[in-house]
């Protein structure tokens, strides 16, 4: 049996699963809409930006998939090293190292730069919206505040 060849195929499957798992990550960008948000009426308010503060948007889910995928991949790679008890030790060490690395990568991938935007609405209320920092917004800008039926709110210029 070619253990390296089958290990390579297995790692390829793990990588594909990782890409599929991260493809479903939600975005907090004002320019990205989910399929469910498309073609839905949204309310629009207008206002003036009072202040903008840089923040970090961190994924709310613990990094489980990355740790699991990394652990399996590390274990497979470790199992190709040595023989007997040395192989078992390498498998366990590879699994532990892979899990730690996978969890760290997933956590980093789920962290984004964001803005906390304070908007004085024309109708007299003041609101705060946190969203991805991919559209430059500055104090004094006239903006639109879009609110979807599900409560999702975004600030747009």
C-alpha atoms as a PDB file:
ATOM      1  CA  UNK A   1       0.000   0.000   0.000  1.00  0.00           C
ATOM      2  CA  UNK A   2       1.362   3.424  -0.930  1.00  0.00           C
ATOM      3  CA  UNK A   3       0.860   5.339   2.320  1.00  0.00           C
ATOM      4  CA  UNK A   4       2.316   8.605   0.969  1.00  0.00           C
ATOM      5  CA  UNK A   5       0.041   8.554  -2.100  1.00  0.00           C
ATOM      6  CA  UNK A   6      -3.103   7.848  -0.086  1.00  0.00           C
ATOM      7  CA  UNK A   7      -2.055  10.443   2.511  1.00  0.00           C
ATOM      8  CA  UNK A   8      -1.691  13.041  -0.246  1.00  0.00           C
ATOM      9  CA  UNK A   9      -5.197  12.269  -1.530  1.00  0.00           C
ATOM     10  CA  UNK A  10      -6.558  12.485   2.010  1.00  0.00           C
ATOM     11  CA  UNK A  11      -4.871  15.846   2.581  1.00  0.00           C
ATOM     12  CA  UNK A  12      -6.360  17.072  -0.707  1.00  0.00           C
ATOM     13  CA  UNK A  13      -9.820  16.118   0.551  1.00  0.00           C
ATOM     14  CA  UNK A  14      -9.169  17.896   3.852  1.00  0.00           C
ATOM     15  CA  UNK A  15      -8.073  21.060   2.009  1.00  0.00           C
ATOM     16  CA  UNK A  16     -11.229  20.985  -0.145  1.00  0.00           C
ATOM     17  CA  UNK A  17     -13.355  20.616   2.979  1.00  0.00           C
ATOM     18  CA  UNK A  18     -11.570  23.573   4.575  1.00  0.00           C
ATOM     19  CA  UNK A  19     -12.252  25.774   1.556  1.00  0.00           C
ATOM     20  CA  UNK A  20     -15.931  24.807   1.603  1.00  0.00           C
ATOM     21  CA  UNK A  21     -16.162  25.455   5.330  1.00  0.00           C
ATOM     22  CA  UNK A  22     -14.701  28.948   5.051  1.00  0.00           C
ATOM     23  CA  UNK A  23     -16.674  29.822   1.906  1.00  0.00           C
ATOM     24  CA  UNK A  24     -19.815  30.216   3.994  1.00  0.00           C
ATOM     25  CA  UNK A  25     -18.365  32.838   6.323  1.00  0.00           C
ATOM     26  CA  UNK A  26     -20.581  35.884   6.726  1.00  0.00           C
ATOM     27  CA  UNK A  27     -19.430  39.318   5.663  1.00  0.00           C
ATOM     28  CA  UNK A  28     -20.108  42.585   7.451  1.00  0.00           C
ATOM     29  CA  UNK A  29     -19.158  44.632   4.398  1.00  0.00           C
ATOM     30  CA  UNK A  30     -21.604  47.308   3.238  1.00  0.00           C
ATOM     31  CA  UNK A  31     -20.939  46.057  -0.314  1.00  0.00           C
ATOM     32  CA  UNK A  32     -21.787  42.368   0.254  1.00  0.00           C
ATOM     33  CA  UNK A  33     -25.321  41.009   0.434  1.00  0.00           C
ATOM     34  CA  UNK A  34     -26.364  37.461   1.285  1.00  0.00           C
ATOM     35  CA  UNK A  35     -28.651  35.562  -1.058  1.00  0.00           C
ATOM     36  CA  UNK A  36     -31.473  36.038   1.465  1.00  0.00           C
ATOM     37  CA  UNK A  37     -30.939  39.835   1.530  1.00  0.00           C
ATOM     38  CA  UNK A  38     -31.051  40.208  -2.247  1.00  0.00           C
ATOM     39  CA  UNK A  39     -34.336  41.477  -3.677  1.00  0.00           C
ATOM     40  CA  UNK A  40     -35.676  42.386  -0.220  1.00  0.00           C
ATOM     41  CA  UNK A  41     -37.066  45.874   0.447  1.00  0.00           C
ATOM     42  CA  UNK A  42     -34.950  47.828   2.917  1.00  0.00           C
ATOM     43  CA  UNK A  43     -35.762  50.998   4.803  1.00  0.00           C
ATOM     44  CA  UNK A  44     -33.484  53.938   4.076  1.00  0.00           C
ATOM     45  CA  UNK A  45     -32.668  56.754   6.462  1.00  0.00           C
ATOM     46  CA  UNK A  46     -30.264  59.594   5.777  1.00  0.00           C
ATOM     47  CA  UNK A  47     -27.933  61.323   8.156  1.00  0.00           C
ATOM     48  CA  UNK A  48     -24.531  62.787   8.879  1.00  0.00           C
ATOM     49  CA  UNK A  49     -21.578  60.857  10.268  1.00  0.00           C
ATOM     50  CA  UNK A  50     -20.618  62.190  13.689  1.00  0.00           C
ATOM     51  CA  UNK A  51     -17.590  59.966  14.277  1.00  0.00           C
ATOM     52  CA  UNK A  52     -15.748  56.924  12.950  1.00  0.00           C
ATOM     53  CA  UNK A  53     -13.631  54.643  15.137  1.00  0.00           C
ATOM     54  CA  UNK A  54     -11.459  51.749  13.945  1.00  0.00           C
ATOM     55  CA  UNK A  55     -12.413  48.420  15.521  1.00  0.00           C
ATOM     56  CA  UNK A  56     -11.659  44.731  15.055  1.00  0.00           C
ATOM     57  CA  UNK A  57     -14.532  42.456  14.036  1.00  0.00           C
ATOM     58  CA  UNK A  58     -13.883  38.976  15.377  1.00  0.00           C
ATOM     59  CA  UNK A  59     -15.758  35.835  14.386  1.00  0.00           C
ATOM     60  CA  UNK A  60     -18.187  34.836  17.120  1.00  0.00           C
ATOM     61  CA  UNK A  61     -17.708  31.088  16.629  1.00  0.00           C
ATOM     62  CA  UNK A  62     -14.728  29.351  18.208  1.00  0.00           C
ATOM     63  CA  UNK A  63     -12.232  28.029  15.636  1.00  0.00           C
ATOM     64  CA  UNK A  64     -13.472  24.428  15.578  1.00  0.00           C
ATOM     65  CA  UNK A  65     -13.287  23.456  11.899  1.00  0.00           C
ATOM     66  CA  UNK A  66      -9.730  24.738  11.445  1.00  0.00           C
ATOM     67  CA  UNK A  67      -8.542  22.878  14.534  1.00  0.00           C
ATOM     68  CA  UNK A  68     -10.243  19.657  13.462  1.00  0.00           C
ATOM     69  CA  UNK A  69      -8.986  19.844   9.893  1.00  0.00           C
ATOM     70  CA  UNK A  70      -5.478  20.776  11.046  1.00  0.00           C
ATOM     71  CA  UNK A  71      -5.474  17.959  13.612  1.00  0.00           C
ATOM     72  CA  UNK A  72      -6.456  15.319  11.062  1.00  0.00           C
ATOM     73  CA  UNK A  73      -3.975  16.634   8.499  1.00  0.00           C
ATOM     74  CA  UNK A  74      -1.164  16.798  11.066  1.00  0.00           C
ATOM     75  CA  UNK A  75      -1.972  13.289  12.268  1.00  0.00           C
ATOM     76  CA  UNK A  76      -1.876  11.903   8.725  1.00  0.00           C
ATOM     77  CA  UNK A  77       1.429  13.605   8.014  1.00  0.00           C
ATOM     78  CA  UNK A  78       2.866  12.474  11.354  1.00  0.00           C
ATOM     79  CA  UNK A  79       1.848   8.874  10.649  1.00  0.00           C
ATOM     80  CA  UNK A  80       4.201   8.818   7.648  1.00  0.00           C
ATOM     81  CA  UNK A  81       7.226   9.347   9.911  1.00  0.00           C
ATOM     82  CA  UNK A  82       9.135   6.573  11.666  1.00  0.00           C
ATOM     83  CA  UNK A  83       8.028   3.087  12.694  1.00  0.00           C
ATOM     84  CA  UNK A  84       6.414   1.461  15.730  1.00  0.00           C
ATOM     85  CA  UNK A  85       6.108   3.645  18.813  1.00  0.00           C
ATOM     86  CA  UNK A  86       8.042   6.441  17.069  1.00  0.00           C
ATOM     87  CA  UNK A  87       5.314   6.578  14.409  1.00  0.00           C
ATOM     88  CA  UNK A  88       2.607   6.771  17.117  1.00  0.00           C
ATOM     89  CA  UNK A  89       4.429   9.633  18.841  1.00  0.00           C
ATOM     90  CA  UNK A  90       4.854  11.454  15.499  1.00  0.00           C
ATOM     91  CA  UNK A  91       1.149  10.933  14.713  1.00  0.00           C
ATOM     92  CA  UNK A  92       0.045  12.407  18.065  1.00  0.00           C
ATOM     93  CA  UNK A  93       2.550  15.282  17.837  1.00  0.00           C
ATOM     94  CA  UNK A  94       1.476  16.012  14.256  1.00  0.00           C
ATOM     95  CA  UNK A  95      -2.197  15.985  15.238  1.00  0.00           C
ATOM     96  CA  UNK A  96      -1.618  18.361  18.168  1.00  0.00           C
ATOM     97  CA  UNK A  97       0.538  20.746  16.140  1.00  0.00           C
ATOM     98  CA  UNK A  98      -1.893  20.632  13.208  1.00  0.00           C
ATOM     99  CA  UNK A  99      -4.876  21.346  15.470  1.00  0.00           C
ATOM    100  CA  UNK A 100      -3.153  24.357  17.050  1.00  0.00           C
ATOM    101  CA  UNK A 101      -2.061  25.719  13.684  1.00  0.00           C
ATOM    102  CA  UNK A 102      -5.480  25.116  12.078  1.00  0.00           C
ATOM    103  CA  UNK A 103      -7.297  26.871  14.929  1.00  0.00           C
ATOM    104  CA  UNK A 104      -4.925  29.856  14.724  1.00  0.00           C
ATOM    105  CA  UNK A 105      -5.400  30.155  10.960  1.00  0.00           C
ATOM    106  CA  UNK A 106      -9.196  29.967  11.265  1.00  0.00           C
ATOM    107  CA  UNK A 107      -9.208  32.593  14.035  1.00  0.00           C
ATOM    108  CA  UNK A 108      -7.077  34.948  11.929  1.00  0.00           C
ATOM    109  CA  UNK A 109      -9.280  34.389   8.874  1.00  0.00           C
ATOM    110  CA  UNK A 110     -12.348  35.310  10.945  1.00  0.00           C
ATOM    111  CA  UNK A 111     -10.869  38.623  12.120  1.00  0.00           C
ATOM    112  CA  UNK A 112     -11.503  41.756  10.045  1.00  0.00           C
ATOM    113  CA  UNK A 113     -10.833  45.464  10.350  1.00  0.00           C
ATOM    114  CA  UNK A 114     -14.017  47.428  10.931  1.00  0.00           C
ATOM    115  CA  UNK A 115     -15.499  50.833  11.668  1.00  0.00           C
ATOM    116  CA  UNK A 116     -17.802  51.857  14.481  1.00  0.00           C
ATOM    117  CA  UNK A 117     -19.805  54.597  12.764  1.00  0.00           C
ATOM    118  CA  UNK A 118     -21.937  57.057  14.761  1.00  0.00           C
ATOM    119  CA  UNK A 119     -24.635  58.595  12.555  1.00  0.00           C
ATOM    120  CA  UNK A 120     -26.935  61.494  13.459  1.00  0.00           C
ATOM    121  CA  UNK A 121     -30.077  60.649  11.504  1.00  0.00           C
ATOM    122  CA  UNK A 122     -32.047  63.486   9.924  1.00  0.00           C
ATOM    123  CA  UNK A 123     -35.129  62.406  11.899  1.00  0.00           C
ATOM    124  CA  UNK A 124     -33.388  63.200  15.196  1.00  0.00           C
ATOM    125  CA  UNK A 125     -32.034  59.843  16.401  1.00  0.00           C
ATOM    126  CA  UNK A 126     -28.390  58.871  16.753  1.00  0.00           C
ATOM    127  CA  UNK A 127     -27.334  55.315  15.920  1.00  0.00           C
ATOM    128  CA  UNK A 128     -24.118  53.311  15.878  1.00  0.00           C
ATOM    129  CA  UNK A 129     -23.349  50.760  13.155  1.00  0.00           C
ATOM    130  CA  UNK A 130     -20.302  48.459  13.101  1.00  0.00           C
ATOM    131  CA  UNK A 131     -19.285  47.187   9.678  1.00  0.00           C
ATOM    132  CA  UNK A 132     -16.232  46.124   7.698  1.00  0.00           C
ATOM    133  CA  UNK A 133     -13.767  48.902   6.913  1.00  0.00           C
ATOM    134  CA  UNK A 134     -13.792  48.419   3.154  1.00  0.00           C
ATOM    135  CA  UNK A 135     -15.547  51.688   2.271  1.00  0.00           C
ATOM    136  CA  UNK A 136     -13.956  54.936   3.458  1.00  0.00           C
ATOM    137  CA  UNK A 137     -16.370  56.907   5.653  1.00  0.00           C
ATOM    138  CA  UNK A 138     -15.416  60.116   7.453  1.00  0.00           C
ATOM    139  CA  UNK A 139     -17.003  62.411  10.044  1.00  0.00           C
ATOM    140  CA  UNK A 140     -19.201  64.959   8.280  1.00  0.00           C
ATOM    141  CA  UNK A 141     -20.083  62.614   5.378  1.00  0.00           C
ATOM    142  CA  UNK A 142     -23.727  62.503   4.309  1.00  0.00           C
ATOM    143  CA  UNK A 143     -24.746  58.831   4.323  1.00  0.00           C
ATOM    144  CA  UNK A 144     -27.630  56.453   3.808  1.00  0.00           C
ATOM    145  CA  UNK A 145     -28.449  53.948   6.521  1.00  0.00           C
ATOM    146  CA  UNK A 146     -30.046  50.825   5.060  1.00  0.00           C
ATOM    147  CA  UNK A 147     -31.930  48.458   7.351  1.00  0.00           C
ATOM    148  CA  UNK A 148     -33.032  45.046   6.062  1.00  0.00           C
ATOM    149  CA  UNK A 149     -36.126  43.192   7.335  1.00  0.00           C
ATOM    150  CA  UNK A 150     -33.838  40.893   9.378  1.00  0.00           C
ATOM    151  CA  UNK A 151     -32.451  43.949  11.218  1.00  0.00           C
ATOM    152  CA  UNK A 152     -29.115  44.000   9.393  1.00  0.00           C
ATOM    153  CA  UNK A 153     -28.028  47.647   9.123  1.00  0.00           C
ATOM    154  CA  UNK A 154     -25.293  49.127   6.976  1.00  0.00           C
ATOM    155  CA  UNK A 155     -23.984  52.604   6.228  1.00  0.00           C
ATOM    156  CA  UNK A 156     -23.514  53.589   2.607  1.00  0.00           C
ATOM    157  CA  UNK A 157     -22.222  56.747   0.941  1.00  0.00           C
END
